[in-house]
C-alpha atoms as a PDB file:
ATOM      1  CA  MET A   1      -9.528  14.519   1.599  1.00  0.00           C
ATOM      2  CA  LYS A   2     -11.073  14.142   5.049  1.00  0.00           C
ATOM      3  CA  ASN A   3     -11.173  10.478   6.073  1.00  0.00           C
ATOM      4  CA  LEU A   4     -10.505   7.232   4.218  1.00  0.00           C
ATOM      5  CA  LEU A   5     -11.744   3.702   4.870  1.00  0.00           C
ATOM      6  CA  ILE A   6      -9.682   0.575   4.135  1.00  0.00           C
ATOM      7  CA  PRO A   7     -11.504  -2.736   4.757  1.00  0.00           C
ATOM      8  CA  SER A   8      -8.740  -5.234   5.440  1.00  0.00           C
ATOM      9  CA  ASN A   9      -7.886  -8.795   6.420  1.00  0.00           C
ATOM     10  CA  LEU A  10      -4.305  -7.569   7.064  1.00  0.00           C
ATOM     11  CA  GLU A  11      -2.768  -9.221   4.022  1.00  0.00           C
ATOM     12  CA  SER A  12       0.391  -7.626   2.602  1.00  0.00           C
ATOM     13  CA  ASP A  13      -1.533  -5.543   0.016  1.00  0.00           C
ATOM     14  CA  THR A  14      -2.948  -3.515   2.930  1.00  0.00           C
ATOM     15  CA  ILE A  15       0.451  -1.791   3.037  1.00  0.00           C
ATOM     16  CA  ASN A  16       0.020  -0.595  -0.553  1.00  0.00           C
ATOM     17  CA  ALA A  17      -3.487   0.644   0.297  1.00  0.00           C
ATOM     18  CA  ILE A  18      -2.090   2.679   3.179  1.00  0.00           C
ATOM     19  CA  LYS A  19       0.547   4.199   0.874  1.00  0.00           C
ATOM     20  CA  ILE A  20      -2.133   5.166  -1.660  1.00  0.00           C
ATOM     21  CA  ALA A  21      -4.314   6.591   1.136  1.00  0.00           C
ATOM     22  CA  ILE A  22      -1.437   8.788   2.321  1.00  0.00           C
ATOM     23  CA  GLN A  23      -0.911   9.993  -1.261  1.00  0.00           C
ATOM     24  CA  GLN A  24      -4.597  10.842  -1.628  1.00  0.00           C
ATOM     25  CA  SER A  25      -4.549  12.866   1.592  1.00  0.00           C
ATOM     26  CA  ASN A  26      -2.511  15.478  -0.331  1.00  0.00           C
ATOM     27  CA  GLY A  27      -0.595  16.435   2.802  1.00  0.00           C
ATOM     28  CA  GLN A  28      -3.770  17.435   4.651  1.00  0.00           C
ATOM     29  CA  ASN A  29      -4.752  16.095   8.057  1.00  0.00           C
ATOM     30  CA  CYS A  30      -6.936  13.026   7.734  1.00  0.00           C
ATOM     31  CA  THR A  31      -7.845   9.799   9.498  1.00  0.00           C
ATOM     32  CA  ILE A  32      -7.433   6.414   7.841  1.00  0.00           C
ATOM     33  CA  PHE A  33      -9.811   3.826   9.277  1.00  0.00           C
ATOM     34  CA  LEU A  34      -8.436   0.316   8.890  1.00  0.00           C
ATOM     35  CA  THR A  35     -11.584  -1.786   9.167  1.00  0.00           C
ATOM     36  CA  LEU A  36     -11.495  -5.421  10.244  1.00  0.00           C
ATOM     37  CA  VAL A  37     -14.765  -7.140   9.355  1.00  0.00           C
ATOM     38  CA  SER A  38     -16.123 -10.207  11.172  1.00  0.00           C
ATOM     39  CA  GLU A  39     -19.359 -12.146  11.505  1.00  0.00           C
ATOM     40  CA  ILE A  40     -21.472 -11.538  14.595  1.00  0.00           C
ATOM     41  CA  PRO A  41     -20.753 -14.462  16.953  1.00  0.00           C
ATOM     42  CA  ASP A  42     -23.717 -16.866  17.066  1.00  0.00           C
ATOM     43  CA  THR A  43     -24.241 -17.296  20.787  1.00  0.00           C
ATOM     44  CA  ASP A  44     -26.767 -16.382  23.486  1.00  0.00           C
ATOM     45  CA  SER A  45     -24.100 -16.041  26.169  1.00  0.00           C
ATOM     46  CA  SER A  46     -22.679 -12.554  26.622  1.00  0.00           C
ATOM     47  CA  ALA A  47     -19.401 -13.978  28.002  1.00  0.00           C
ATOM     48  CA  THR A  48     -18.985 -16.313  25.017  1.00  0.00           C
ATOM     49  CA  PHE A  49     -19.874 -13.416  22.705  1.00  0.00           C
ATOM     50  CA  LEU A  50     -17.110 -11.235  24.165  1.00  0.00           C
ATOM     51  CA  ARG A  51     -14.537 -14.028  24.073  1.00  0.00           C
ATOM     52  CA  SER A  52     -15.275 -14.858  20.430  1.00  0.00           C
ATOM     53  CA  MET A  53     -14.844 -11.210  19.448  1.00  0.00           C
ATOM     54  CA  LYS A  54     -11.222 -11.264  20.668  1.00  0.00           C
ATOM     55  CA  SER A  55      -9.654 -12.994  17.685  1.00  0.00           C
ATOM     56  CA  GLU A  56      -5.856 -13.235  17.801  1.00  0.00           C
ATOM     57  CA  MET A  57      -3.762 -11.895  14.931  1.00  0.00           C
ATOM     58  CA  THR A  58      -1.154 -14.048  13.240  1.00  0.00           C
ATOM     59  CA  VAL A  59       2.491 -12.986  13.248  1.00  0.00           C
ATOM     60  CA  SER A  60       2.169 -11.962   9.603  1.00  0.00           C
ATOM     61  CA  GLN A  61      -0.893  -9.805  10.330  1.00  0.00           C
ATOM     62  CA  LYS A  62       0.847  -8.121  13.248  1.00  0.00           C
ATOM     63  CA  ASN A  63       3.837  -7.335  11.026  1.00  0.00           C
ATOM     64  CA  VAL A  64       1.566  -5.782   8.389  1.00  0.00           C
ATOM     65  CA  LEU A  65      -0.184  -3.669  11.013  1.00  0.00           C
ATOM     66  CA  ASP A  66       3.131  -2.536  12.523  1.00  0.00           C
ATOM     67  CA  TYR A  67       4.429  -1.498   9.095  1.00  0.00           C
ATOM     68  CA  CYS A  68       1.205   0.423   8.394  1.00  0.00           C
ATOM     69  CA  ARG A  69       1.648   2.301  11.664  1.00  0.00           C
ATOM     70  CA  GLU A  70       5.234   3.154  10.720  1.00  0.00           C
ATOM     71  CA  LEU A  71       4.074   4.596   7.387  1.00  0.00           C
ATOM     72  CA  ILE A  72       1.451   6.697   9.156  1.00  0.00           C
ATOM     73  CA  THR A  73       4.054   8.029  11.596  1.00  0.00           C
ATOM     74  CA  ILE A  74       6.359   8.992   8.718  1.00  0.00           C
ATOM     75  CA  SER A  75       3.506  10.792   6.888  1.00  0.00           C
ATOM     76  CA  GLN A  76       3.059  13.224   9.846  1.00  0.00           C
ATOM     77  CA  ASN A  77      -0.358  14.338   8.536  1.00  0.00           C
ATOM     78  CA  CYS A  78      -2.376  11.102   8.770  1.00  0.00           C
ATOM     79  CA  CYS A  79      -3.802   9.255  11.740  1.00  0.00           C
ATOM     80  CA  LEU A  80      -4.530   5.504  11.740  1.00  0.00           C
ATOM     81  CA  LYS A  81      -7.479   4.041  13.655  1.00  0.00           C
ATOM     82  CA  ILE A  82      -8.530   0.399  13.820  1.00  0.00           C
ATOM     83  CA  HIS A  83     -12.271  -0.140  13.456  1.00  0.00           C
ATOM     84  CA  HIS A  84     -13.784  -3.546  14.235  1.00  0.00           C
ATOM     85  CA  GLN A  85     -17.020  -4.120  12.298  1.00  0.00           C
ATOM     86  CA  TYR A  86     -19.171  -7.074  13.370  1.00  0.00           C
ATOM     87  CA  GLY A  87     -21.839  -7.892  10.793  1.00  0.00           C
ATOM     88  CA  ILE A  88     -22.973  -5.581   7.992  1.00  0.00           C
ATOM     89  CA  SER A  89     -26.185  -4.406   6.347  1.00  0.00           C
ATOM     90  CA  ALA A  90     -27.154  -1.490   4.108  1.00  0.00           C
ATOM     91  CA  PRO A  91     -28.263   0.718   7.044  1.00  0.00           C
ATOM     92  CA  LEU A  92     -25.098  -0.186   8.993  1.00  0.00           C
ATOM     93  CA  MET A  93     -22.931   0.687   5.975  1.00  0.00           C
ATOM     94  CA  LYS A  94     -24.680   4.035   5.542  1.00  0.00           C
ATOM     95  CA  ASN A  95     -24.252   4.856   9.231  1.00  0.00           C
ATOM     96  CA  LEU A  96     -20.609   3.707   9.179  1.00  0.00           C
ATOM     97  CA  ILE A  97     -19.673   5.954   6.272  1.00  0.00           C
ATOM     98  CA  GLU A  98     -21.558   8.926   7.686  1.00  0.00           C
ATOM     99  CA  HIS A  99     -20.322   8.472  11.262  1.00  0.00           C
ATOM    100  CA  LEU A 100     -16.675   8.152  10.200  1.00  0.00           C
ATOM    101  CA  ASP A 101     -17.099  10.953   7.624  1.00  0.00           C
ATOM    102  CA  VAL A 102     -15.510   8.810   4.900  1.00  0.00           C
ATOM    103  CA  GLU A 103     -14.797  10.425   1.510  1.00  0.00           C
ATOM    104  CA  LEU A 104     -13.056   7.469  -0.128  1.00  0.00           C
ATOM    105  CA  THR A 105     -12.887   3.706   0.419  1.00  0.00           C
ATOM    106  CA  ILE A 106      -9.866   1.758  -0.833  1.00  0.00           C
ATOM    107  CA  LEU A 107     -10.439  -1.929  -1.616  1.00  0.00           C
ATOM    108  CA  THR A 108      -7.496  -4.326  -1.796  1.00  0.00           C
ATOM    109  CA  PRO A 109      -7.514  -7.449  -4.012  1.00  0.00           C
ATOM    110  CA  SER A 110      -7.153  -9.729  -0.969  1.00  0.00           C
ATOM    111  CA  PHE A 111     -10.264  -8.305   0.698  1.00  0.00           C
ATOM    112  CA  ARG A 112     -12.277  -8.143  -2.526  1.00  0.00           C
ATOM    113  CA  ASN A 113     -11.469 -11.793  -3.322  1.00  0.00           C
ATOM    114  CA  ALA A 114     -11.693 -13.136   0.235  1.00  0.00           C
ATOM    115  CA  GLN A 115     -13.580 -16.409   0.670  1.00  0.00           C
ATOM    116  CA  LYS A 116     -15.524 -15.460   3.794  1.00  0.00           C
ATOM    117  CA  ARG A 117     -19.177 -14.635   3.255  1.00  0.00           C
ATOM    118  CA  ILE A 118     -19.022 -11.516   5.451  1.00  0.00           C
ATOM    119  CA  HIS A 119     -16.298 -10.017   3.224  1.00  0.00           C
ATOM    120  CA  ASN A 120     -18.336 -10.731   0.102  1.00  0.00           C
ATOM    121  CA  GLN A 121     -21.398  -9.089   1.660  1.00  0.00           C
ATOM    122  CA  PHE A 122     -19.379  -6.086   2.778  1.00  0.00           C
ATOM    123  CA  VAL A 123     -18.028  -5.488  -0.737  1.00  0.00           C
ATOM    124  CA  GLN A 124     -21.438  -5.799  -2.381  1.00  0.00           C
ATOM    125  CA  ILE A 125     -23.203  -3.568   0.146  1.00  0.00           C
ATOM    126  CA  LEU A 126     -20.373  -1.047  -0.131  1.00  0.00           C
ATOM    127  CA  SER A 127     -20.852  -1.023  -3.928  1.00  0.00           C
ATOM    128  CA  ASN A 128     -24.467   0.066  -3.387  1.00  0.00           C
ATOM    129  CA  SER A 129     -23.381   2.970  -1.199  1.00  0.00           C
ATOM    130  CA  LYS A 130     -22.653   6.449  -2.530  1.00  0.00           C
ATOM    131  CA  CYS A 131     -19.043   6.460  -1.330  1.00  0.00           C
ATOM    132  CA  PRO A 132     -16.325   6.556  -4.033  1.00  0.00           C
ATOM    133  CA  ILE A 133     -14.399   3.263  -4.146  1.00  0.00           C
ATOM    134  CA  LEU A 134     -10.810   2.876  -5.326  1.00  0.00           C
ATOM    135  CA  HIS A 135     -10.200  -0.743  -6.395  1.00  0.00           C
ATOM    136  CA  LEU A 136      -6.513  -1.658  -6.294  1.00  0.00           C
ATOM    137  CA  SER A 137      -5.309  -4.343  -8.710  1.00  0.00           C
ATOM    138  CA  THR A 138      -3.226  -7.395  -7.875  1.00  0.00           C
ATOM    139  CA  ASN A 139      -0.113  -6.444  -9.848  1.00  0.00           C
ATOM    140  CA  PHE A 140      -0.331  -2.697  -9.248  1.00  0.00           C
ATOM    141  CA  GLU A 141       2.960  -1.124  -8.214  1.00  0.00           C
ATOM    142  CA  GLU A 142       3.025   1.909  -5.972  1.00  0.00           C
ATOM    143  CA  GLN A 143       2.974   5.155  -7.919  1.00  0.00           C
ATOM    144  CA  ASP A 144       1.274   8.536  -7.996  1.00  0.00           C
ATOM    145  CA  LEU A 145      -2.121   8.442  -9.677  1.00  0.00           C
ATOM    146  CA  THR A 146      -1.908  11.378 -12.073  1.00  0.00           C
ATOM    147  CA  LYS A 147      -3.566  10.490 -15.409  1.00  0.00           C
ATOM    148  CA  ALA A 148      -7.014   8.936 -15.623  1.00  0.00           C
ATOM    149  CA  MET A 149      -9.246   7.527 -18.338  1.00  0.00           C
ATOM    150  CA  TYR A 150     -13.022   7.774 -17.955  1.00  0.00           C
ATOM    151  CA  LEU A 151     -14.883   4.669 -19.146  1.00  0.00           C
ATOM    152  CA  GLU A 152     -18.360   5.948 -19.935  1.00  0.00           C
ATOM    153  CA  GLN A 153     -20.980   3.204 -19.778  1.00  0.00           C
ATOM    154  CA  THR A 154     -24.036   3.035 -22.048  1.00  0.00           C
ATOM    155  CA  MET A 155     -26.937   5.109 -20.662  1.00  0.00           C
ATOM    156  CA  SER A 156     -24.675   6.776 -18.100  1.00  0.00           C
ATOM    157  CA  ARG A 157     -25.851  10.216 -17.024  1.00  0.00           C
ATOM    158  CA  LEU A 158     -22.464  11.274 -15.735  1.00  0.00           C
ATOM    159  CA  GLN A 159     -20.619  13.148 -18.465  1.00  0.00           C
ATOM    160  CA  VAL A 160     -16.872  13.733 -18.559  1.00  0.00           C
ATOM    161  CA  GLU A 161     -17.537  17.476 -18.076  1.00  0.00           C
ATOM    162  CA  ASP A 162     -19.266  16.686 -14.774  1.00  0.00           C
ATOM    163  CA  LEU A 163     -16.252  14.675 -13.654  1.00  0.00           C
ATOM    164  CA  GLN A 164     -13.838  17.437 -14.621  1.00  0.00           C
ATOM    165  CA  ASP A 165     -15.686  19.690 -12.154  1.00  0.00           C
ATOM    166  CA  LEU A 166     -15.979  17.007  -9.453  1.00  0.00           C
ATOM    167  CA  ILE A 167     -12.487  15.475  -9.482  1.00  0.00           C
ATOM    168  CA  PRO A 168     -10.321  18.531  -8.522  1.00  0.00           C
ATOM    169  CA  THR A 169     -12.258  19.042  -5.272  1.00  0.00           C
ATOM    170  CA  HIS A 170     -11.450  15.518  -4.032  1.00  0.00           C
ATOM    171  CA  PHE A 171      -8.480  14.149  -6.018  1.00  0.00           C
ATOM    172  CA  LYS A 172      -5.246  15.403  -7.565  1.00  0.00           C
ATOM    173  CA  PHE A 173      -5.239  13.422 -10.826  1.00  0.00           C
ATOM    174  CA  LYS A 174      -6.561  14.646 -14.194  1.00  0.00           C
ATOM    175  CA  ILE A 175      -8.807  12.963 -16.760  1.00  0.00           C
ATOM    176  CA  VAL A 176      -6.779  12.930 -19.971  1.00  0.00           C
ATOM    177  CA  SER A 177      -8.736  10.348 -21.980  1.00  0.00           C
ATOM    178  CA  GLN A 178     -12.264   8.994 -22.416  1.00  0.00           C
ATOM    179  CA  ALA A 179     -13.761   5.826 -23.906  1.00  0.00           C
ATOM    180  CA  LYS A 180     -17.413   4.926 -24.413  1.00  0.00           C
ATOM    181  CA  ILE A 181     -18.343   1.343 -23.517  1.00  0.00           C
ATOM    182  CA  PHE A 182     -21.366  -0.266 -25.189  1.00  0.00           C
ATOM    183  CA  ASN A 183     -23.080  -3.354 -23.756  1.00  0.00           C
ATOM    184  CA  ASP A 184     -23.052  -5.211 -27.084  1.00  0.00           C
ATOM    185  CA  GLN A 185     -19.338  -4.714 -27.732  1.00  0.00           C
ATOM    186  CA  ASN A 186     -17.062  -7.739 -27.976  1.00  0.00           C
ATOM    187  CA  PRO A 187     -14.919  -7.831 -24.774  1.00  0.00           C
ATOM    188  CA  GLU A 188     -11.811  -8.641 -26.833  1.00  0.00           C
ATOM    189  CA  ASP A 189     -12.376  -5.591 -29.035  1.00  0.00           C
ATOM    190  CA  ILE A 190     -12.815  -3.394 -25.965  1.00  0.00           C
ATOM    191  CA  GLN A 191      -9.617  -4.640 -24.367  1.00  0.00           C
ATOM    192  CA  SER A 192      -7.586  -4.088 -27.524  1.00  0.00           C
ATOM    193  CA  LEU A 193      -8.799  -0.492 -27.963  1.00  0.00           C
ATOM    194  CA  LEU A 194      -8.416   0.386 -24.290  1.00  0.00           C
ATOM    195  CA  ALA A 195      -4.930  -1.122 -24.078  1.00  0.00           C
ATOM    196  CA  GLU A 196      -3.809   1.060 -26.981  1.00  0.00           C
ATOM    197  CA  ALA A 197      -5.284   4.232 -25.449  1.00  0.00           C
ATOM    198  CA  ILE A 198      -3.825   3.435 -22.010  1.00  0.00           C
ATOM    199  CA  SER A 199      -0.341   2.954 -23.447  1.00  0.00           C
ATOM    200  CA  LYS A 200      -0.532   6.034 -25.689  1.00  0.00           C
ATOM    201  CA  ASN A 201      -1.677   8.389 -22.909  1.00  0.00           C
ATOM    202  CA  ASN A 202       0.349   6.864 -20.020  1.00  0.00           C
ATOM    203  CA  ILE A 203      -2.845   6.173 -18.086  1.00  0.00           C
ATOM    204  CA  ASN A 204      -2.379   4.935 -14.505  1.00  0.00           C
ATOM    205  CA  LEU A 205      -5.999   5.080 -13.314  1.00  0.00           C
ATOM    206  CA  LEU A 206      -9.376   4.089 -14.753  1.00  0.00           C
ATOM    207  CA  ILE A 207     -12.660   5.734 -13.742  1.00  0.00           C
ATOM    208  CA  GLU A 208     -16.049   4.086 -14.087  1.00  0.00           C
ATOM    209  CA  THR A 209     -19.522   4.570 -12.638  1.00  0.00           C
ATOM    210  CA  ARG A 210     -21.743   2.068 -10.864  1.00  0.00           C
ATOM    211  CA  LYS A 211     -25.442   1.726 -10.088  1.00  0.00           C
ATOM    212  CA  PRO A 212     -27.198  -0.207  -7.299  1.00  0.00           C
ATOM    213  CA  LYS A 213     -27.351  -3.983  -7.794  1.00  0.00           C
ATOM    214  CA  LYS A 214     -29.186  -6.788  -6.067  1.00  0.00           C
ATOM    215  CA  ILE A 215     -27.048  -8.396  -3.363  1.00  0.00           C
ATOM    216  CA  LYS A 216     -26.032 -11.980  -4.225  1.00  0.00           C
ATOM    217  CA  LEU A 217     -24.421 -14.555  -1.957  1.00  0.00           C
ATOM    218  CA  LYS A 218     -22.085 -15.821  -4.670  1.00  0.00           C
ATOM    219  CA  LYS A 219     -19.040 -13.943  -5.893  1.00  0.00           C
ATOM    220  CA  GLN A 220     -19.437 -11.308  -8.563  1.00  0.00           C
ATOM    221  CA  SER A 221     -17.863 -12.001 -11.949  1.00  0.00           C
ATOM    222  CA  ALA A 222     -14.645 -10.129 -12.693  1.00  0.00           C
ATOM    223  CA  ASN A 223     -14.870  -6.795 -14.461  1.00  0.00           C
ATOM    224  CA  THR A 224     -13.360  -6.624 -17.956  1.00  0.00           C
ATOM    225  CA  THR A 225     -11.279  -3.582 -16.978  1.00  0.00           C
ATOM    226  CA  GLU A 226      -9.560  -5.429 -14.104  1.00  0.00           C
ATOM    227  CA  SER A 227      -7.268  -7.204 -16.576  1.00  0.00           C
ATOM    228  CA  PHE A 228      -5.332  -3.984 -17.294  1.00  0.00           C
ATOM    229  CA  GLY A 229      -3.656  -4.096 -13.880  1.00  0.00           C
ATOM    230  CA  LEU A 230      -4.645  -0.509 -13.058  1.00  0.00           C
ATOM    231  CA  PRO A 231      -6.535   0.897 -10.078  1.00  0.00           C
ATOM    232  CA  ILE A 232     -10.186   1.595 -10.831  1.00  0.00           C
ATOM    233  CA  LEU A 233     -12.034   4.490  -9.210  1.00  0.00           C
ATOM    234  CA  SER A 234     -15.722   3.598  -9.037  1.00  0.00           C
ATOM    235  CA  LEU A 235     -18.147   6.502  -8.619  1.00  0.00           C
ATOM    236  CA  TYR A 236     -21.782   6.062  -7.633  1.00  0.00           C
ATOM    237  CA  GLU A 237     -24.253   7.302 -10.215  1.00  0.00           C
ATOM    238  CA  GLU A 238     -27.429   8.741  -8.793  1.00  0.00           C
ATOM    239  CA  ILE A 239     -30.677   7.145  -9.976  1.00  0.00           C
ATOM    240  CA  SER A 240     -33.676   9.456 -10.335  1.00  0.00           C
END
């Protein structure tokens, strides 16, 4: 794993994201970019622009950042860099991922559910990028991600055999189970079947694919799989 990106508002779940990022580095040298996202200040004055960009952290945010730095120091193989991102667009996201050489983005619940419009835009634009995204869940406890279930969507072109070849080159977990999800299935039926398979196979990670969507200003509806309290690795599916 080369570099990882963690968009953050420095809530406490950022610490868990850093721990997972260190795990995913597999002991290899890598850089973790902790990205703080803000709106571009609306002013014509360059002095006012610069002053507005210097937002002060709260005591709680400083404590979270200090703890993250301690974890990085203990890891000995990872480096932490703070990246300030002002404004976002599809071209900016593409350039950001390419410039930082990011192989995985980790999204925390606090950032994904943040009320600010810029955070909502960042998440949606990120979802349209080709970068793998690891969604952490609210009640997820720190643990090694070792056993995964692939949730194959209807009309998906990515087969489990393709994933079995792709996963070992980037991640250390194994796909031990698979479930096919149909659009016309009753959500309650899906949850019941998945819960049984997750318990039976000791699954601690779900894998799903995503395709480009139109950017909306309002929040996206929650995914059915989020209710299982497991991290979800979202992989971009190429459209021909």
